[in-house]
Amino acid sequence: MSEQSTVTAYCVKCREKREMKDPEVVKLKNGRPARKGKCGTCGTNMFRIGK
């Protein structure tokens, strides 16, 4: 998973799409993949469902 540094997600605090800092792959209860990390600008927790 070499594309970890280019994961983008919507930041609720900044109110726009930002690059995710230190994304990690997690699995939801139903088995779907997701990414969890911090906003590169403000440091708020971010979450994105999907590969």
Protein backbone atom coordinates (compact mmCIF):
# COMPACT_ATOMS: atom_id res chain seq x y z
CA MET A 1 0.00 0.00 0.00
CA SER A 2 2.43 2.60 -1.22
CA GLU A 3 -0.29 5.22 -1.86
CA GLN A 4 -0.88 5.87 1.85
CA SER A 5 0.60 9.37 1.67
CA THR A 6 -1.92 10.48 -0.99
CA VAL A 7 -5.17 9.63 0.81
CA THR A 8 -7.63 12.52 0.81
CA ALA A 9 -10.76 12.85 2.91
CA TYR A 10 -13.22 15.56 3.97
CA CYS A 11 -12.18 17.48 7.07
CA VAL A 12 -15.18 18.65 9.10
CA LYS A 13 -13.23 21.40 10.84
CA CYS A 14 -11.61 22.86 7.68
CA ARG A 15 -14.77 22.17 5.62
CA GLU A 16 -12.88 20.94 2.58
CA LYS A 17 -10.99 17.92 1.27
CA ARG A 18 -7.52 17.63 2.77
CA GLU A 19 -4.66 15.18 2.62
CA MET A 20 -4.68 12.63 5.43
CA LYS A 21 -1.60 12.45 7.65
CA ASP A 22 -0.47 9.00 8.88
CA PRO A 23 -3.38 7.01 7.37
CA GLU A 24 -3.88 3.46 8.61
CA VAL A 25 -6.05 0.75 7.09
CA VAL A 26 -8.88 -0.45 9.34
CA LYS A 27 -11.77 -2.85 8.79
CA LEU A 28 -15.37 -2.08 9.75
CA LYS A 29 -17.61 -4.58 11.54
CA ASN A 30 -19.25 -5.54 8.24
CA GLY A 31 -15.85 -6.23 6.64
CA ARG A 32 -15.55 -3.10 4.49
CA PRO A 33 -12.09 -1.48 4.32
CA ALA A 34 -11.56 2.08 5.58
CA ARG A 35 -8.77 4.56 6.34
CA LYS A 36 -8.27 6.45 9.58
CA GLY A 37 -5.88 9.35 10.13
CA LYS A 38 -5.41 13.02 10.98
CA CYS A 39 -5.89 16.19 8.92
CA GLY A 40 -2.55 17.47 7.64
CA THR A 41 -3.55 21.08 8.36
CA CYS A 42 -5.47 21.19 11.65
CA GLY A 43 -4.89 17.70 13.14
CA THR A 44 -8.57 16.72 13.44
CA ASN A 45 -9.41 13.00 13.18
CA MET A 46 -10.47 11.96 9.67
CA PHE A 47 -12.14 8.82 8.38
CA ARG A 48 -12.78 7.52 4.87
CA ILE A 49 -14.66 4.37 3.91
CA GLY A 50 -13.29 2.45 0.91
CA LYS A 51 -9.93 1.40 -0.48
